[in-house]
PDB file of all heavy atoms in Angstrom:
ATOM      1  N   PRO A   1       0.759  -1.185  -0.003  1.00  0.00           N
ATOM      2  CA  PRO A   1       0.028   0.026  -0.001  1.00  0.00           C
ATOM      3  C   PRO A   1       0.882   1.276   0.004  1.00  0.00           C
ATOM      4  O   PRO A   1       1.988   1.265   0.562  1.00  0.00           O
ATOM      5  CB  PRO A   1      -0.788  -0.078   1.268  1.00  0.00           C
ATOM      6  CG  PRO A   1      -0.170  -1.111   2.113  1.00  0.00           C
ATOM      7  CD  PRO A   1       0.730  -1.929   1.205  1.00  0.00           C
ATOM      8  N   ARG A   2       0.390   2.279  -0.629  1.00  0.00           N
ATOM      9  CA  ARG A   2       1.145   3.478  -0.733  1.00  0.00           C
ATOM     10  C   ARG A   2       0.338   4.714  -0.282  1.00  0.00           C
ATOM     11  O   ARG A   2      -0.893   4.663  -0.365  1.00  0.00           O
ATOM     12  CB  ARG A   2       1.526   3.762  -2.213  1.00  0.00           C
ATOM     13  CG  ARG A   2       2.575   2.780  -2.723  1.00  0.00           C
ATOM     14  CD  ARG A   2       2.645   2.793  -4.189  1.00  0.00           C
ATOM     15  NE  ARG A   2       3.854   1.977  -4.717  1.00  0.00           N
ATOM     16  CZ  ARG A   2       3.752   0.704  -4.824  1.00  0.00           C
ATOM     17  NH1 ARG A   2       2.756   0.041  -4.445  1.00  0.00           N
ATOM     18  NH2 ARG A   2       4.799   0.085  -5.336  1.00  0.00           N
ATOM     19  N   THR A   3       0.922   5.655   0.277  1.00  0.00           N
ATOM     20  CA  THR A   3       0.338   6.947   0.675  1.00  0.00           C
ATOM     21  C   THR A   3       1.063   7.983  -0.070  1.00  0.00           C
ATOM     22  O   THR A   3       2.308   8.056  -0.093  1.00  0.00           O
ATOM     23  CB  THR A   3       0.357   7.118   2.178  1.00  0.00           C
ATOM     24  OG1 THR A   3      -0.333   6.189   2.789  1.00  0.00           O
ATOM     25  CG2 THR A   3      -0.288   8.546   2.518  1.00  0.00           C
ATOM     26  N   HIS A   4       0.333   8.894  -0.753  1.00  0.00           N
ATOM     27  CA  HIS A   4       0.898  10.043  -1.563  1.00  0.00           C
ATOM     28  C   HIS A   4       0.777  11.309  -0.681  1.00  0.00           C
ATOM     29  O   HIS A   4      -0.273  11.568  -0.171  1.00  0.00           O
ATOM     30  CB  HIS A   4       0.189  10.193  -2.821  1.00  0.00           C
ATOM     31  CG  HIS A   4       0.189   8.922  -3.695  1.00  0.00           C
ATOM     32  ND1 HIS A   4       1.227   8.722  -4.585  1.00  0.00           N
ATOM     33  CD2 HIS A   4      -0.609   7.929  -3.728  1.00  0.00           C
ATOM     34  CE1 HIS A   4       1.010   7.534  -5.125  1.00  0.00           C
ATOM     35  NE2 HIS A   4      -0.064   6.983  -4.699  1.00  0.00           N
ATOM     36  N   VAL A   5       1.881  12.114  -0.636  1.00  0.00           N
ATOM     37  CA  VAL A   5       1.850  13.398   0.001  1.00  0.00           C
ATOM     38  C   VAL A   5       2.023  14.362  -1.133  1.00  0.00           C
ATOM     39  O   VAL A   5       3.062  14.454  -1.821  1.00  0.00           O
ATOM     40  CB  VAL A   5       3.009  13.541   1.019  1.00  0.00           C
ATOM     41  CG1 VAL A   5       2.963  14.874   1.629  1.00  0.00           C
ATOM     42  CG2 VAL A   5       2.803  12.485   2.124  1.00  0.00           C
ATOM     43  N   LEU A   6       1.004  15.184  -1.408  1.00  0.00           N
ATOM     44  CA  LEU A   6       0.964  16.123  -2.456  1.00  0.00           C
ATOM     45  C   LEU A   6       1.357  17.518  -1.904  1.00  0.00           C
ATOM     46  O   LEU A   6       0.563  18.078  -1.069  1.00  0.00           O
ATOM     47  CB  LEU A   6      -0.444  16.200  -3.165  1.00  0.00           C
ATOM     48  CG  LEU A   6      -0.599  17.208  -4.255  1.00  0.00           C
ATOM     49  CD1 LEU A   6       0.298  16.858  -5.391  1.00  0.00           C
ATOM     50  CD2 LEU A   6      -2.058  17.117  -4.672  1.00  0.00           C
ATOM     51  N   CYS A   7       2.528  18.009  -2.276  1.00  0.00           N
ATOM     52  CA  CYS A   7       2.902  19.303  -1.746  1.00  0.00           C
ATOM     53  C   CYS A   7       2.373  20.401  -2.674  1.00  0.00           C
ATOM     54  O   CYS A   7       2.693  20.378  -3.833  1.00  0.00           O
ATOM     55  CB  CYS A   7       4.492  19.366  -1.655  1.00  0.00           C
ATOM     56  SG  CYS A   7       5.145  18.182  -0.557  1.00  0.00           S
ATOM     57  N   THR A   8       1.627  21.296  -2.146  1.00  0.00           N
ATOM     58  CA  THR A   8       0.853  22.309  -2.943  1.00  0.00           C
ATOM     59  C   THR A   8       1.464  23.707  -2.852  1.00  0.00           C
ATOM     60  O   THR A   8       0.715  24.626  -3.234  1.00  0.00           O
ATOM     61  CB  THR A   8      -0.658  22.252  -2.572  1.00  0.00           C
ATOM     62  OG1 THR A   8      -0.788  22.584  -1.237  1.00  0.00           O
ATOM     63  CG2 THR A   8      -1.255  20.923  -2.857  1.00  0.00           C
ATOM     64  N   GLY A   9       2.668  23.799  -2.390  1.00  0.00           N
ATOM     65  CA  GLY A   9       3.243  25.114  -2.256  1.00  0.00           C
ATOM     66  C   GLY A   9       3.560  25.641  -3.630  1.00  0.00           C
ATOM     67  O   GLY A   9       3.384  25.072  -4.629  1.00  0.00           O
ATOM     68  N   ASP A  10       4.330  26.780  -3.624  1.00  0.00           N
ATOM     69  CA  ASP A  10       4.761  27.429  -4.823  1.00  0.00           C
ATOM     70  C   ASP A  10       5.740  26.438  -5.584  1.00  0.00           C
ATOM     71  O   ASP A  10       6.476  25.730  -4.975  1.00  0.00           O
ATOM     72  CB  ASP A  10       5.522  28.699  -4.617  1.00  0.00           C
ATOM     73  CG  ASP A  10       4.641  29.801  -4.042  1.00  0.00           C
ATOM     74  OD1 ASP A  10       3.493  29.910  -4.589  1.00  0.00           O
ATOM     75  OD2 ASP A  10       4.949  30.468  -3.087  1.00  0.00           O
ATOM     76  N   GLU A  11       5.746  26.477  -6.895  1.00  0.00           N
ATOM     77  CA  GLU A  11       6.588  25.669  -7.707  1.00  0.00           C
ATOM     78  C   GLU A  11       6.922  26.433  -8.963  1.00  0.00           C
ATOM     79  O   GLU A  11       6.212  27.224  -9.441  1.00  0.00           O
ATOM     80  CB  GLU A  11       5.982  24.280  -7.969  1.00  0.00           C
ATOM     81  CG  GLU A  11       4.716  24.340  -8.774  1.00  0.00           C
ATOM     82  CD  GLU A  11       4.071  22.966  -8.917  1.00  0.00           C
ATOM     83  OE1 GLU A  11       4.248  22.138  -8.077  1.00  0.00           O
ATOM     84  OE2 GLU A  11       3.450  22.793  -9.961  1.00  0.00           O
ATOM     85  N   PRO A  12       8.092  26.131  -9.571  1.00  0.00           N
ATOM     86  CA  PRO A  12       8.422  26.799 -10.816  1.00  0.00           C
ATOM     87  C   PRO A  12       7.410  26.480 -11.905  1.00  0.00           C
ATOM     88  O   PRO A  12       6.728  25.465 -11.892  1.00  0.00           O
ATOM     89  CB  PRO A  12       9.770  26.060 -11.198  1.00  0.00           C
ATOM     90  CG  PRO A  12      10.257  25.561  -9.958  1.00  0.00           C
ATOM     91  CD  PRO A  12       9.176  25.177  -9.093  1.00  0.00           C
ATOM     92  N   GLU A  13       7.212  27.373 -12.807  1.00  0.00           N
ATOM     93  CA  GLU A  13       6.174  27.273 -13.860  1.00  0.00           C
ATOM     94  C   GLU A  13       6.501  26.129 -14.787  1.00  0.00           C
ATOM     95  O   GLU A  13       5.585  25.589 -15.397  1.00  0.00           O
ATOM     96  CB  GLU A  13       6.150  28.583 -14.634  1.00  0.00           C
ATOM     97  CG  GLU A  13       5.606  29.787 -13.890  1.00  0.00           C
ATOM     98  CD  GLU A  13       5.605  31.015 -14.795  1.00  0.00           C
ATOM     99  OE1 GLU A  13       5.790  30.942 -15.952  1.00  0.00           O
ATOM    100  OE2 GLU A  13       5.347  32.081 -14.093  1.00  0.00           O
ATOM    101  N   ASP A  14       7.710  25.736 -14.952  1.00  0.00           N
ATOM    102  CA  ASP A  14       8.075  24.704 -15.929  1.00  0.00           C
ATOM    103  C   ASP A  14       8.010  23.239 -15.345  1.00  0.00           C
ATOM    104  O   ASP A  14       8.415  22.314 -15.879  1.00  0.00           O
ATOM    105  CB  ASP A  14       9.432  24.922 -16.606  1.00  0.00           C
ATOM    106  CG  ASP A  14      10.531  24.963 -15.654  1.00  0.00           C
ATOM    107  OD1 ASP A  14      10.262  25.058 -14.414  1.00  0.00           O
ATOM    108  OD2 ASP A  14      11.708  24.917 -16.058  1.00  0.00           O
ATOM    109  N   VAL A  15       7.501  23.082 -14.129  1.00  0.00           N
ATOM    110  CA  VAL A  15       7.320  21.863 -13.453  1.00  0.00           C
ATOM    111  C   VAL A  15       5.902  21.311 -13.655  1.00  0.00           C
ATOM    112  O   VAL A  15       4.950  22.038 -13.355  1.00  0.00           O
ATOM    113  CB  VAL A  15       7.663  21.909 -11.963  1.00  0.00           C
ATOM    114  CG1 VAL A  15       7.376  20.625 -11.263  1.00  0.00           C
ATOM    115  CG2 VAL A  15       9.108  22.197 -11.750  1.00  0.00           C
ATOM    116  N   THR A  16       5.790  20.169 -14.163  1.00  0.00           N
ATOM    117  CA  THR A  16       4.466  19.483 -14.305  1.00  0.00           C
ATOM    118  C   THR A  16       4.377  18.336 -13.405  1.00  0.00           C
ATOM    119  O   THR A  16       5.199  17.408 -13.418  1.00  0.00           O
ATOM    120  CB  THR A  16       4.223  19.030 -15.796  1.00  0.00           C
ATOM    121  OG1 THR A  16       4.420  20.165 -16.645  1.00  0.00           O
ATOM    122  CG2 THR A  16       2.813  18.443 -15.946  1.00  0.00           C
ATOM    123  N   ARG A  17       3.339  18.239 -12.590  1.00  0.00           N
ATOM    124  CA  ARG A  17       3.229  17.198 -11.688  1.00  0.00           C
ATOM    125  C   ARG A  17       2.623  15.950 -12.361  1.00  0.00           C
ATOM    126  O   ARG A  17       1.702  16.103 -13.214  1.00  0.00           O
ATOM    127  CB  ARG A  17       2.267  17.513 -10.537  1.00  0.00           C
ATOM    128  CG  ARG A  17       2.727  18.598  -9.685  1.00  0.00           C
ATOM    129  CD  ARG A  17       1.579  18.922  -8.619  1.00  0.00           C
ATOM    130  NE  ARG A  17       1.922  20.087  -7.915  1.00  0.00           N
ATOM    131  CZ  ARG A  17       2.402  20.118  -6.627  1.00  0.00           C
ATOM    132  NH1 ARG A  17       2.669  19.066  -6.037  1.00  0.00           N
ATOM    133  NH2 ARG A  17       2.603  21.254  -6.054  1.00  0.00           N
ATOM    134  N   ARG A  18       3.069  14.805 -12.054  1.00  0.00           N
ATOM    135  CA  ARG A  18       2.393  13.511 -12.557  1.00  0.00           C
ATOM    136  C   ARG A  18       1.185  13.368 -11.741  1.00  0.00           C
ATOM    137  O   ARG A  18       1.241  13.445 -10.456  1.00  0.00           O
ATOM    138  CB  ARG A  18       3.298  12.367 -12.449  1.00  0.00           C
ATOM    139  CG  ARG A  18       4.345  12.279 -13.433  1.00  0.00           C
ATOM    140  CD  ARG A  18       5.260  11.088 -13.251  1.00  0.00           C
ATOM    141  NE  ARG A  18       6.109  11.364 -12.168  1.00  0.00           N
ATOM    142  CZ  ARG A  18       6.823  10.494 -11.542  1.00  0.00           C
ATOM    143  NH1 ARG A  18       6.726   9.241 -11.885  1.00  0.00           N
ATOM    144  NH2 ARG A  18       7.527  10.751 -10.517  1.00  0.00           N
ATOM    145  N   PRO A  19       0.059  13.048 -12.307  1.00  0.00           N
ATOM    146  CA  PRO A  19      -1.210  12.877 -11.541  1.00  0.00           C
ATOM    147  C   PRO A  19      -1.069  11.517 -10.678  1.00  0.00           C
ATOM    148  O   PRO A  19      -0.457  10.603 -11.165  1.00  0.00           O
ATOM    149  CB  PRO A  19      -2.302  12.752 -12.516  1.00  0.00           C
ATOM    150  CG  PRO A  19      -1.606  12.377 -13.825  1.00  0.00           C
ATOM    151  CD  PRO A  19      -0.234  12.914 -13.700  1.00  0.00           C
ATOM    152  N   VAL A  20      -1.747  11.575  -9.503  1.00  0.00           N
ATOM    153  CA  VAL A  20      -1.768  10.321  -8.728  1.00  0.00           C
ATOM    154  C   VAL A  20      -2.933   9.526  -9.239  1.00  0.00           C
ATOM    155  O   VAL A  20      -4.024  10.032  -9.425  1.00  0.00           O
ATOM    156  CB  VAL A  20      -1.945  10.707  -7.189  1.00  0.00           C
ATOM    157  CG1 VAL A  20      -2.151   9.397  -6.410  1.00  0.00           C
ATOM    158  CG2 VAL A  20      -0.800  11.521  -6.671  1.00  0.00           C
ATOM    159  N   PRO A  21      -2.703   8.197  -9.505  1.00  0.00           N
ATOM    160  CA  PRO A  21      -3.808   7.407 -10.034  1.00  0.00           C
ATOM    161  C   PRO A  21      -4.904   7.259  -9.013  1.00  0.00           C
ATOM    162  O   PRO A  21      -4.632   7.260  -7.793  1.00  0.00           O
ATOM    163  CB  PRO A  21      -3.192   6.023 -10.313  1.00  0.00           C
ATOM    164  CG  PRO A  21      -1.924   6.061  -9.602  1.00  0.00           C
ATOM    165  CD  PRO A  21      -1.452   7.458  -9.408  1.00  0.00           C
ATOM    166  N   LYS A  22      -6.169   7.161  -9.473  1.00  0.00           N
ATOM    167  CA  LYS A  22      -7.261   6.982  -8.574  1.00  0.00           C
ATOM    168  C   LYS A  22      -7.143   5.656  -7.741  1.00  0.00           C
ATOM    169  O   LYS A  22      -7.598   5.556  -6.639  1.00  0.00           O
ATOM    170  CB  LYS A  22      -8.665   7.066  -9.328  1.00  0.00           C
ATOM    171  CG  LYS A  22      -8.853   8.434  -9.856  1.00  0.00           C
ATOM    172  CD  LYS A  22     -10.242   8.543 -10.368  1.00  0.00           C
ATOM    173  CE  LYS A  22     -10.577   9.864 -11.178  1.00  0.00           C
ATOM    174  NZ  LYS A  22     -10.118  11.052 -10.514  1.00  0.00           N
ATOM    175  N   LEU A  23      -6.595   4.663  -8.415  1.00  0.00           N
ATOM    176  CA  LEU A  23      -6.424   3.409  -7.710  1.00  0.00           C
ATOM    177  C   LEU A  23      -4.968   3.026  -7.639  1.00  0.00           C
ATOM    178  O   LEU A  23      -4.229   3.265  -8.567  1.00  0.00           O
ATOM    179  CB  LEU A  23      -7.148   2.254  -8.539  1.00  0.00           C
ATOM    180  CG  LEU A  23      -8.688   2.325  -8.530  1.00  0.00           C
ATOM    181  CD1 LEU A  23      -9.204   1.214  -9.399  1.00  0.00           C
ATOM    182  CD2 LEU A  23      -9.206   2.161  -7.161  1.00  0.00           C
ATOM    183  N   GLN A  24      -4.515   2.443  -6.523  1.00  0.00           N
ATOM    184  CA  GLN A  24      -3.283   1.948  -6.406  1.00  0.00           C
ATOM    185  C   GLN A  24      -3.041   0.594  -7.170  1.00  0.00           C
ATOM    186  O   GLN A  24      -4.078   0.004  -7.656  1.00  0.00           O
ATOM    187  CB  GLN A  24      -2.899   1.622  -4.929  1.00  0.00           C
ATOM    188  CG  GLN A  24      -2.980   2.822  -4.108  1.00  0.00           C
ATOM    189  CD  GLN A  24      -2.551   2.437  -2.577  1.00  0.00           C
ATOM    190  OE1 GLN A  24      -1.624   1.768  -2.337  1.00  0.00           O
ATOM    191  NE2 GLN A  24      -3.485   2.903  -1.692  1.00  0.00           N
ATOM    192  N   ARG A  25      -1.890   0.170  -7.414  1.00  0.00           N
ATOM    193  CA  ARG A  25      -1.674  -1.068  -8.203  1.00  0.00           C
ATOM    194  C   ARG A  25      -2.262  -2.278  -7.448  1.00  0.00           C
ATOM    195  O   ARG A  25      -2.549  -3.295  -8.062  1.00  0.00           O
ATOM    196  CB  ARG A  25      -0.180  -1.275  -8.463  1.00  0.00           C
ATOM    197  CG  ARG A  25       0.420  -0.152  -9.374  1.00  0.00           C
ATOM    198  CD  ARG A  25       1.850  -0.393  -9.650  1.00  0.00           C
ATOM    199  NE  ARG A  25       2.056  -1.639 -10.351  1.00  0.00           N
ATOM    200  CZ  ARG A  25       3.209  -2.289 -10.481  1.00  0.00           C
ATOM    201  NH1 ARG A  25       4.287  -1.739  -9.853  1.00  0.00           N
ATOM    202  NH2 ARG A  25       3.300  -3.363 -11.094  1.00  0.00           N
ATOM    203  N   ASN A  26      -2.422  -2.174  -6.180  1.00  0.00           N
ATOM    204  CA  ASN A  26      -3.080  -3.281  -5.474  1.00  0.00           C
ATOM    205  C   ASN A  26      -4.631  -3.277  -5.487  1.00  0.00           C
ATOM    206  O   ASN A  26      -5.332  -4.011  -4.915  1.00  0.00           O
ATOM    207  CB  ASN A  26      -2.554  -3.359  -3.947  1.00  0.00           C
ATOM    208  CG  ASN A  26      -2.950  -2.163  -3.153  1.00  0.00           C
ATOM    209  OD1 ASN A  26      -3.778  -1.319  -3.615  1.00  0.00           O
ATOM    210  ND2 ASN A  26      -2.516  -2.135  -1.932  1.00  0.00           N
ATOM    211  N   GLY A  27      -5.130  -2.228  -6.230  1.00  0.00           N
ATOM    212  CA  GLY A  27      -6.621  -2.107  -6.384  1.00  0.00           C
ATOM    213  C   GLY A  27      -7.363  -1.244  -5.385  1.00  0.00           C
ATOM    214  O   GLY A  27      -8.458  -0.977  -5.544  1.00  0.00           O
ATOM    215  N   GLU A  28      -6.580  -0.841  -4.307  1.00  0.00           N
ATOM    216  CA  GLU A  28      -7.107  -0.007  -3.299  1.00  0.00           C
ATOM    217  C   GLU A  28      -7.226   1.441  -3.790  1.00  0.00           C
ATOM    218  O   GLU A  28      -6.367   1.815  -4.576  1.00  0.00           O
ATOM    219  CB  GLU A  28      -6.367  -0.114  -1.977  1.00  0.00           C
ATOM    220  CG  GLU A  28      -6.310  -1.424  -1.283  1.00  0.00           C
ATOM    221  CD  GLU A  28      -5.513  -1.318  -0.068  1.00  0.00           C
ATOM    222  OE1 GLU A  28      -5.078  -0.314   0.328  1.00  0.00           O
ATOM    223  OE2 GLU A  28      -5.192  -2.471   0.420  1.00  0.00           O
TER     224      GLU A  28
END
């Protein structure tokens, strides 16, 4: 199981975040 921590502070304009999938690879 994985837990994602999304840091939402300021970031450079040329940085694109990869989206977190709605489901983990284990189906949860």
